[in-house]
N, C-alpha and C. Protein backbone atom coordinates (compact mmCIF):
# COMPACT_ATOMS: atom_id res chain seq x y z
N MET A 1 -17.58 53.75 -13.38
CA MET A 1 -16.37 54.73 -13.49
C MET A 1 -17.08 56.04 -14.15
N ASN A 2 -17.19 56.92 -13.41
CA ASN A 2 -18.04 58.48 -13.76
C ASN A 2 -16.88 59.46 -14.10
N PRO A 3 -16.25 59.62 -15.27
CA PRO A 3 -15.72 60.72 -15.65
C PRO A 3 -15.88 62.21 -15.05
N GLN A 4 -14.95 62.82 -14.33
CA GLN A 4 -15.58 64.13 -13.84
C GLN A 4 -14.50 65.26 -14.73
N SER A 5 -14.85 66.22 -14.46
CA SER A 5 -13.78 67.45 -15.28
C SER A 5 -12.86 67.54 -14.15
N LEU A 6 -11.58 67.40 -14.96
CA LEU A 6 -10.34 67.78 -14.08
C LEU A 6 -10.01 68.95 -13.93
N VAL A 7 -10.69 70.22 -14.59
CA VAL A 7 -10.21 71.35 -14.63
C VAL A 7 -10.79 71.94 -13.19
N CYS A 8 -10.28 72.31 -12.22
CA CYS A 8 -10.52 73.06 -11.04
C CYS A 8 -9.79 74.27 -10.84
N ALA A 9 -10.39 74.87 -9.71
CA ALA A 9 -9.61 76.09 -9.21
C ALA A 9 -7.93 76.34 -9.25
N GLN A 10 -7.57 75.22 -8.95
CA GLN A 10 -5.92 75.28 -8.69
C GLN A 10 -5.36 74.80 -10.09
N THR A 11 -6.12 74.68 -11.47
CA THR A 11 -5.62 74.28 -12.48
C THR A 11 -4.96 75.32 -13.03
N VAL A 12 -3.91 75.71 -13.52
CA VAL A 12 -3.05 76.55 -14.06
C VAL A 12 -3.41 76.61 -15.76
N SER A 13 -3.78 77.38 -16.29
CA SER A 13 -4.18 77.50 -17.58
C SER A 13 -3.20 78.80 -18.51
N ARG A 14 -2.75 78.33 -19.72
CA ARG A 14 -2.38 79.24 -20.60
C ARG A 14 -2.81 79.25 -21.70
N VAL A 15 -2.96 80.47 -22.43
CA VAL A 15 -3.26 80.40 -23.98
C VAL A 15 -2.30 81.03 -25.06
N SER A 16 -2.37 80.82 -26.47
CA SER A 16 -1.44 81.01 -27.02
C SER A 16 -1.54 82.62 -27.53
N SER A 17 -2.79 83.35 -27.31
CA SER A 17 -3.15 84.50 -27.68
C SER A 17 -4.43 84.77 -27.19
N VAL A 18 -4.98 85.93 -27.30
CA VAL A 18 -6.30 86.38 -26.89
C VAL A 18 -6.53 87.67 -27.97
N LEU A 19 -8.08 87.88 -28.63
CA LEU A 19 -8.11 88.66 -29.44
C LEU A 19 -7.95 90.18 -29.10
N ASN A 20 -6.89 90.98 -29.79
CA ASN A 20 -7.01 92.56 -29.21
C ASN A 20 -6.37 92.45 -27.82
N ARG A 21 -5.91 91.25 -27.54
CA ARG A 21 -5.36 91.33 -25.78
C ARG A 21 -6.63 91.68 -25.15
N ASP A 22 -7.84 91.51 -25.32
CA ASP A 22 -8.96 91.87 -24.34
C ASP A 22 -9.08 90.70 -23.64
N THR A 23 -8.53 90.50 -22.59
CA THR A 23 -8.75 89.19 -21.74
C THR A 23 -10.42 89.23 -20.89
N ARG A 24 -10.66 90.77 -20.60
CA ARG A 24 -11.63 90.72 -19.81
C ARG A 24 -13.09 90.09 -20.70
N GLN A 25 -13.14 90.45 -21.99
CA GLN A 25 -14.17 89.87 -22.85
C GLN A 25 -13.63 88.53 -23.53
N PHE A 26 -12.37 88.40 -23.78
CA PHE A 26 -12.30 86.82 -24.54
C PHE A 26 -11.13 85.99 -23.83
N GLY A 27 -10.70 86.45 -22.56
CA GLY A 27 -9.68 85.49 -21.80
C GLY A 27 -10.18 84.06 -21.58
N LYS A 28 -8.95 83.70 -20.95
CA LYS A 28 -8.97 82.11 -21.16
C LYS A 28 -9.72 81.33 -20.08
N LYS A 29 -10.22 82.46 -19.21
CA LYS A 29 -11.37 81.86 -17.99
C LYS A 29 -12.51 81.86 -18.61
N HIS A 30 -12.84 82.23 -19.92
CA HIS A 30 -14.06 81.77 -20.32
C HIS A 30 -14.29 80.60 -21.02
N LEU A 31 -13.06 79.92 -21.16
CA LEU A 31 -13.07 78.28 -21.58
C LEU A 31 -13.62 77.27 -20.64
N PHE A 32 -13.65 77.59 -19.29
CA PHE A 32 -14.02 77.08 -18.22
C PHE A 32 -15.28 77.40 -17.35
N ASP A 33 -16.15 78.49 -17.76
CA ASP A 33 -16.88 79.21 -16.90
C ASP A 33 -18.33 78.48 -16.94
N GLN A 34 -18.71 77.61 -17.92
CA GLN A 34 -19.68 76.93 -18.26
C GLN A 34 -20.94 78.17 -18.82
N ASP A 35 -20.33 79.17 -19.04
CA ASP A 35 -21.36 80.36 -19.56
C ASP A 35 -21.36 80.21 -21.11
N GLU A 36 -22.82 80.05 -21.54
CA GLU A 36 -22.85 79.99 -22.76
C GLU A 36 -22.60 81.28 -23.59
N GLU A 37 -22.83 82.38 -22.86
CA GLU A 37 -22.34 83.90 -23.41
C GLU A 37 -21.09 84.24 -23.62
N THR A 38 -19.99 83.83 -23.10
CA THR A 38 -18.62 83.65 -23.09
C THR A 38 -17.50 82.85 -23.97
N CYS A 39 -16.80 83.16 -24.37
CA CYS A 39 -15.82 82.39 -25.08
C CYS A 39 -14.21 83.09 -25.07
N TRP A 40 -13.22 82.02 -25.49
CA TRP A 40 -12.03 82.42 -25.86
C TRP A 40 -11.83 82.66 -27.07
N ASN A 41 -11.43 83.64 -27.47
CA ASN A 41 -11.06 84.12 -28.94
C ASN A 41 -9.55 84.34 -29.05
N SER A 42 -9.08 83.86 -29.60
CA SER A 42 -7.66 83.68 -29.92
C SER A 42 -7.41 85.06 -31.42
N ASP A 43 -6.01 85.39 -31.12
CA ASP A 43 -5.65 86.38 -31.97
C ASP A 43 -5.58 85.44 -33.25
N GLN A 44 -5.16 85.97 -34.37
CA GLN A 44 -4.80 85.48 -35.74
C GLN A 44 -3.42 84.64 -35.57
N GLY A 45 -3.22 83.99 -36.41
CA GLY A 45 -2.02 83.24 -36.56
C GLY A 45 -2.09 81.57 -36.51
N PRO A 46 -1.12 81.06 -36.97
CA PRO A 46 -1.30 79.67 -37.09
C PRO A 46 -0.99 78.83 -35.96
N CYS A 47 -1.73 77.87 -35.38
CA CYS A 47 -1.59 77.22 -34.45
C CYS A 47 -1.71 77.51 -33.07
N GLN A 48 -3.10 77.77 -32.80
CA GLN A 48 -3.31 78.40 -31.40
C GLN A 48 -3.35 77.17 -30.48
N TRP A 49 -3.28 77.54 -29.06
CA TRP A 49 -3.32 76.51 -28.32
C TRP A 49 -3.45 76.94 -26.98
N VAL A 50 -3.95 75.70 -26.13
CA VAL A 50 -4.03 75.97 -24.79
C VAL A 50 -3.36 75.12 -24.05
N THR A 51 -2.73 75.11 -22.45
CA THR A 51 -2.03 74.43 -21.76
C THR A 51 -2.78 74.48 -20.30
N LEU A 52 -2.62 73.28 -19.86
CA LEU A 52 -3.48 73.10 -18.69
C LEU A 52 -2.29 72.06 -17.71
N GLU A 53 -2.19 72.76 -16.48
CA GLU A 53 -1.23 72.02 -15.61
C GLU A 53 -2.27 71.71 -14.34
N PHE A 54 -2.41 70.51 -13.92
CA PHE A 54 -3.41 70.28 -12.92
C PHE A 54 -2.79 69.62 -11.64
N PRO A 55 -3.17 70.17 -10.69
CA PRO A 55 -2.54 70.05 -9.24
C PRO A 55 -2.16 68.76 -8.84
N GLN A 56 -2.93 67.70 -9.26
CA GLN A 56 -2.29 66.27 -9.26
C GLN A 56 -2.53 65.34 -10.63
N ARG A 57 -1.84 64.35 -10.58
CA ARG A 57 -1.85 63.46 -11.77
C ARG A 57 -3.39 62.89 -12.13
N SER A 58 -3.83 62.95 -13.24
CA SER A 58 -5.20 62.37 -13.75
C SER A 58 -5.10 61.69 -14.79
N ARG A 59 -5.89 60.80 -15.09
CA ARG A 59 -6.02 59.89 -16.07
C ARG A 59 -7.08 60.75 -16.98
N ILE A 60 -6.63 60.99 -18.35
CA ILE A 60 -7.29 61.82 -19.03
C ILE A 60 -8.16 60.96 -19.92
N LEU A 61 -9.56 60.94 -20.02
CA LEU A 61 -10.42 59.95 -20.70
C LEU A 61 -11.24 60.57 -21.94
N GLN A 62 -11.50 61.64 -21.92
CA GLN A 62 -12.38 62.31 -22.86
C GLN A 62 -12.10 63.86 -22.98
N LEU A 63 -12.05 64.65 -24.36
CA LEU A 63 -11.97 66.20 -24.54
C LEU A 63 -13.35 66.15 -24.85
N GLN A 64 -14.03 67.54 -24.62
CA GLN A 64 -14.91 68.10 -25.08
C GLN A 64 -14.83 69.69 -25.58
N ILE A 65 -15.08 70.10 -26.79
CA ILE A 65 -14.80 71.25 -27.44
C ILE A 65 -15.83 71.66 -27.92
N GLN A 66 -16.60 73.17 -27.77
CA GLN A 66 -17.23 73.72 -28.35
C GLN A 66 -16.96 75.11 -28.93
N PHE A 67 -16.56 74.99 -30.26
CA PHE A 67 -16.27 75.88 -31.04
C PHE A 67 -17.54 76.86 -31.78
N GLN A 68 -17.07 77.87 -31.90
CA GLN A 68 -18.02 78.78 -32.81
C GLN A 68 -17.56 78.56 -34.25
N GLY A 69 -18.80 78.15 -34.98
CA GLY A 69 -18.67 77.44 -36.48
C GLY A 69 -17.97 78.78 -37.09
N GLY A 70 -17.26 78.38 -38.14
CA GLY A 70 -16.50 79.16 -38.77
C GLY A 70 -14.99 79.57 -38.09
N PHE A 71 -14.79 79.40 -36.90
CA PHE A 71 -13.88 79.64 -36.00
C PHE A 71 -13.21 78.26 -35.39
N ALA A 72 -13.35 77.40 -36.04
CA ALA A 72 -13.35 76.17 -35.56
C ALA A 72 -11.91 75.78 -36.03
N SER A 73 -11.60 74.55 -35.71
CA SER A 73 -10.16 73.92 -35.99
C SER A 73 -10.35 72.47 -36.64
N ARG A 74 -9.68 72.15 -37.66
CA ARG A 74 -10.10 71.00 -38.39
C ARG A 74 -9.32 69.72 -37.99
N ARG A 75 -8.04 70.05 -37.33
CA ARG A 75 -7.27 69.18 -36.31
C ARG A 75 -6.84 69.67 -35.00
N VAL A 76 -6.93 68.75 -34.17
CA VAL A 76 -6.47 69.02 -32.77
C VAL A 76 -5.73 67.91 -32.22
N ARG A 77 -4.88 68.35 -31.94
CA ARG A 77 -3.33 67.45 -31.47
C ARG A 77 -3.62 67.84 -29.86
N LEU A 78 -3.46 66.53 -29.26
CA LEU A 78 -3.28 66.46 -27.70
C LEU A 78 -2.17 65.88 -27.52
N GLU A 79 -1.33 66.82 -26.63
CA GLU A 79 -0.12 65.94 -25.97
C GLU A 79 -0.23 66.45 -24.62
N ALA A 80 0.51 65.49 -23.69
CA ALA A 80 0.30 65.50 -22.49
C ALA A 80 1.92 65.14 -21.95
N SER A 81 1.96 65.19 -20.37
CA SER A 81 3.14 64.96 -19.75
C SER A 81 3.18 64.46 -18.34
N GLN A 82 3.82 64.42 -17.74
CA GLN A 82 4.24 63.94 -16.18
C GLN A 82 5.30 64.66 -15.65
N GLY A 83 4.98 65.41 -14.75
CA GLY A 83 6.11 66.11 -14.18
C GLY A 83 6.78 67.07 -14.79
N GLN A 84 8.25 66.99 -15.00
CA GLN A 84 9.02 68.26 -15.94
C GLN A 84 9.34 67.37 -17.10
N ASP A 85 8.78 65.99 -17.44
CA ASP A 85 8.80 65.51 -18.83
C ASP A 85 8.36 66.24 -19.87
N ALA A 86 8.95 65.82 -21.14
CA ALA A 86 8.55 66.69 -22.20
C ALA A 86 7.21 66.06 -22.81
N LEU A 87 6.50 67.05 -23.23
CA LEU A 87 5.25 66.79 -24.00
C LEU A 87 5.36 65.84 -25.08
N ARG A 88 4.55 64.93 -25.06
CA ARG A 88 4.59 63.50 -26.23
C ARG A 88 2.72 63.81 -26.61
N LYS A 89 2.87 63.47 -27.93
CA LYS A 89 1.53 63.35 -28.53
C LYS A 89 0.72 62.06 -28.16
N VAL A 90 -0.43 62.20 -27.73
CA VAL A 90 -1.27 61.53 -27.21
C VAL A 90 -2.15 60.99 -28.28
N THR A 91 -2.93 61.96 -29.11
CA THR A 91 -3.69 61.44 -30.16
C THR A 91 -4.04 62.88 -30.79
N GLU A 92 -4.78 62.70 -31.92
CA GLU A 92 -5.34 63.61 -32.54
C GLU A 92 -6.65 64.01 -32.93
N PHE A 93 -7.67 64.90 -32.84
CA PHE A 93 -8.89 64.87 -33.33
C PHE A 93 -9.30 65.72 -34.52
N PHE A 94 -10.48 65.19 -35.29
CA PHE A 94 -10.95 66.03 -36.40
C PHE A 94 -12.16 66.82 -35.91
N PRO A 95 -12.31 67.68 -35.44
CA PRO A 95 -13.75 68.16 -35.26
C PRO A 95 -14.38 68.95 -36.39
N GLU A 96 -15.60 68.87 -36.34
CA GLU A 96 -16.51 69.45 -37.50
C GLU A 96 -16.58 70.98 -37.18
N ASP A 97 -16.53 71.81 -38.15
CA ASP A 97 -16.88 73.06 -38.14
C ASP A 97 -18.31 73.30 -37.73
N SER A 98 -18.77 73.37 -36.30
CA SER A 98 -19.79 73.57 -36.17
C SER A 98 -20.00 74.09 -34.68
N ASN A 99 -21.34 74.49 -34.36
CA ASN A 99 -21.32 75.15 -33.14
C ASN A 99 -21.76 74.39 -32.20
N SER A 100 -21.75 72.85 -32.24
CA SER A 100 -22.09 71.77 -31.13
C SER A 100 -20.89 71.48 -30.51
N LEU A 101 -21.39 71.39 -29.09
CA LEU A 101 -20.14 70.73 -27.92
C LEU A 101 -20.13 69.15 -28.85
N GLN A 102 -18.62 68.88 -29.14
CA GLN A 102 -18.28 67.68 -29.73
C GLN A 102 -17.28 66.95 -28.55
N SER A 103 -17.33 65.87 -28.49
CA SER A 103 -16.75 64.79 -27.53
C SER A 103 -16.01 63.97 -28.06
N PHE A 104 -14.42 63.90 -27.83
CA PHE A 104 -13.66 62.99 -28.29
C PHE A 104 -13.10 62.18 -27.29
N PRO A 105 -12.76 60.83 -27.31
CA PRO A 105 -12.26 59.89 -26.52
C PRO A 105 -11.00 59.92 -26.47
N VAL A 106 -10.03 59.85 -25.52
CA VAL A 106 -8.71 59.77 -25.52
C VAL A 106 -8.21 58.75 -24.99
N PRO A 107 -7.44 58.01 -25.61
CA PRO A 107 -6.68 56.53 -25.25
C PRO A 107 -6.04 57.24 -23.85
N ALA A 108 -6.47 56.32 -22.72
CA ALA A 108 -6.24 56.48 -21.13
C ALA A 108 -4.64 57.13 -21.21
N ALA A 109 -4.65 58.36 -20.98
CA ALA A 109 -3.34 59.16 -20.80
C ALA A 109 -3.02 59.37 -19.39
N GLU A 110 -2.11 59.10 -18.52
CA GLU A 110 -1.94 59.60 -17.13
C GLU A 110 -1.10 60.86 -17.26
N ALA A 111 -1.53 62.00 -16.94
CA ALA A 111 -0.60 63.26 -16.99
C ALA A 111 -0.78 64.31 -15.93
N ASP A 112 0.01 65.17 -15.77
CA ASP A 112 -0.49 66.36 -14.91
C ASP A 112 -0.53 67.55 -15.58
N ARG A 113 0.02 67.45 -17.03
CA ARG A 113 -0.02 68.88 -18.23
C ARG A 113 -0.60 68.46 -19.46
N LEU A 114 -1.26 69.22 -19.92
CA LEU A 114 -1.87 68.66 -21.33
C LEU A 114 -1.66 70.14 -22.11
N LYS A 115 -1.48 69.68 -23.28
CA LYS A 115 -1.40 70.89 -24.26
C LYS A 115 -2.43 70.70 -25.48
N VAL A 116 -3.30 71.50 -25.68
CA VAL A 116 -4.19 71.14 -26.59
C VAL A 116 -4.19 72.50 -28.00
N THR A 117 -3.61 71.49 -29.01
CA THR A 117 -3.07 72.57 -30.21
C THR A 117 -4.18 72.55 -31.27
N PHE A 118 -4.80 73.56 -31.58
CA PHE A 118 -5.84 74.13 -32.63
C PHE A 118 -4.66 74.25 -34.14
N GLU A 119 -5.00 73.00 -34.71
CA GLU A 119 -4.40 73.17 -36.12
C GLU A 119 -5.27 73.38 -37.27
N GLU A 120 -4.88 73.96 -38.28
CA GLU A 120 -5.75 74.31 -39.37
C GLU A 120 -6.99 74.77 -39.06
N ALA A 121 -7.15 76.16 -38.57
CA ALA A 121 -8.28 76.74 -38.50
C ALA A 121 -9.02 76.93 -39.54
N THR A 122 -10.55 77.06 -39.36
CA THR A 122 -11.08 77.35 -40.39
C THR A 122 -11.35 78.74 -40.91
N ASP A 123 -11.15 79.44 -40.13
CA ASP A 123 -11.01 81.02 -40.25
C ASP A 123 -9.71 81.14 -41.04
N PHE A 124 -10.02 82.02 -42.24
CA PHE A 124 -8.70 82.45 -42.74
C PHE A 124 -7.48 83.13 -42.19
N PHE A 125 -7.56 83.93 -41.00
CA PHE A 125 -6.75 84.45 -40.68
C PHE A 125 -6.02 83.36 -39.38
N GLY A 126 -6.65 82.28 -39.04
CA GLY A 126 -6.34 81.31 -38.22
C GLY A 126 -7.00 81.64 -36.67
N ARG A 127 -7.83 82.28 -36.63
CA ARG A 127 -8.56 82.76 -35.28
C ARG A 127 -9.46 81.62 -34.74
N VAL A 128 -9.36 81.31 -33.47
CA VAL A 128 -10.19 80.13 -33.03
C VAL A 128 -10.95 80.61 -31.92
N VAL A 129 -12.38 80.38 -31.66
CA VAL A 129 -13.15 80.61 -30.86
C VAL A 129 -13.50 79.62 -30.35
N VAL A 130 -13.74 79.31 -28.84
CA VAL A 130 -14.13 78.31 -28.14
C VAL A 130 -14.89 78.55 -26.93
N TYR A 131 -15.98 78.26 -27.01
CA TYR A 131 -16.94 78.54 -25.83
C TYR A 131 -16.95 77.60 -24.57
N HIS A 132 -16.53 76.43 -24.97
CA HIS A 132 -16.32 75.26 -23.59
C HIS A 132 -15.15 74.63 -24.08
N LEU A 133 -14.14 74.35 -22.88
CA LEU A 133 -13.00 73.34 -23.25
C LEU A 133 -13.26 72.34 -22.03
N ARG A 134 -13.55 71.00 -22.16
CA ARG A 134 -13.76 70.21 -20.64
C ARG A 134 -12.80 69.20 -21.05
N VAL A 135 -11.89 68.70 -19.87
CA VAL A 135 -11.38 67.88 -20.07
C VAL A 135 -11.82 66.66 -18.75
N LEU A 136 -12.21 65.41 -19.27
CA LEU A 136 -12.79 64.62 -18.18
C LEU A 136 -11.82 63.33 -18.21
N GLY A 137 -12.13 62.97 -17.05
CA GLY A 137 -11.14 61.96 -16.38
C GLY A 137 -11.65 61.54 -15.00
N GLU A 138 -10.13 61.20 -14.44
CA GLU A 138 -10.33 60.77 -12.88
C GLU A 138 -8.94 61.13 -12.37
N LYS A 139 -8.89 61.58 -11.27
CA LYS A 139 -7.65 61.82 -10.60
C LYS A 139 -6.93 60.57 -9.90
N VAL A 140 -5.41 60.37 -10.22
CA VAL A 140 -4.88 59.03 -9.85
C VAL A 140 -4.60 59.21 -8.32
N ALA A 141 -4.54 58.39 -7.59
CA ALA A 141 -4.04 58.32 -6.36
C ALA A 141 -2.49 58.41 -6.34
């Protein structure tokens, strides 16, 4: 089984905020563009988040995140749901405050909606900077 990226053109994403509302420079599209030079930069405030709605149910196996050091999250909560069900907590991770791509296994969760919440930001103002957010798994027939 080879997990693949579940984020595709039909995936609907939302973010809690964008620094100075500058979506062109810091918008959510930069989470998934595979470009080392671009990033999503949240505005300040507690508990920044990203939601994803996939076009079909998927089995989530791994989450990969690359923060900018100094603008990371000490705790990341992953919630998932199917259809119109309420989001429920799947797991939480404790990333390092570094620039490296970090991978976290997910206890196999089937979902078509995900919410990734960045708690306890390392930045004093609560800003989070993410260069890459990858959700790996497989589509469920």
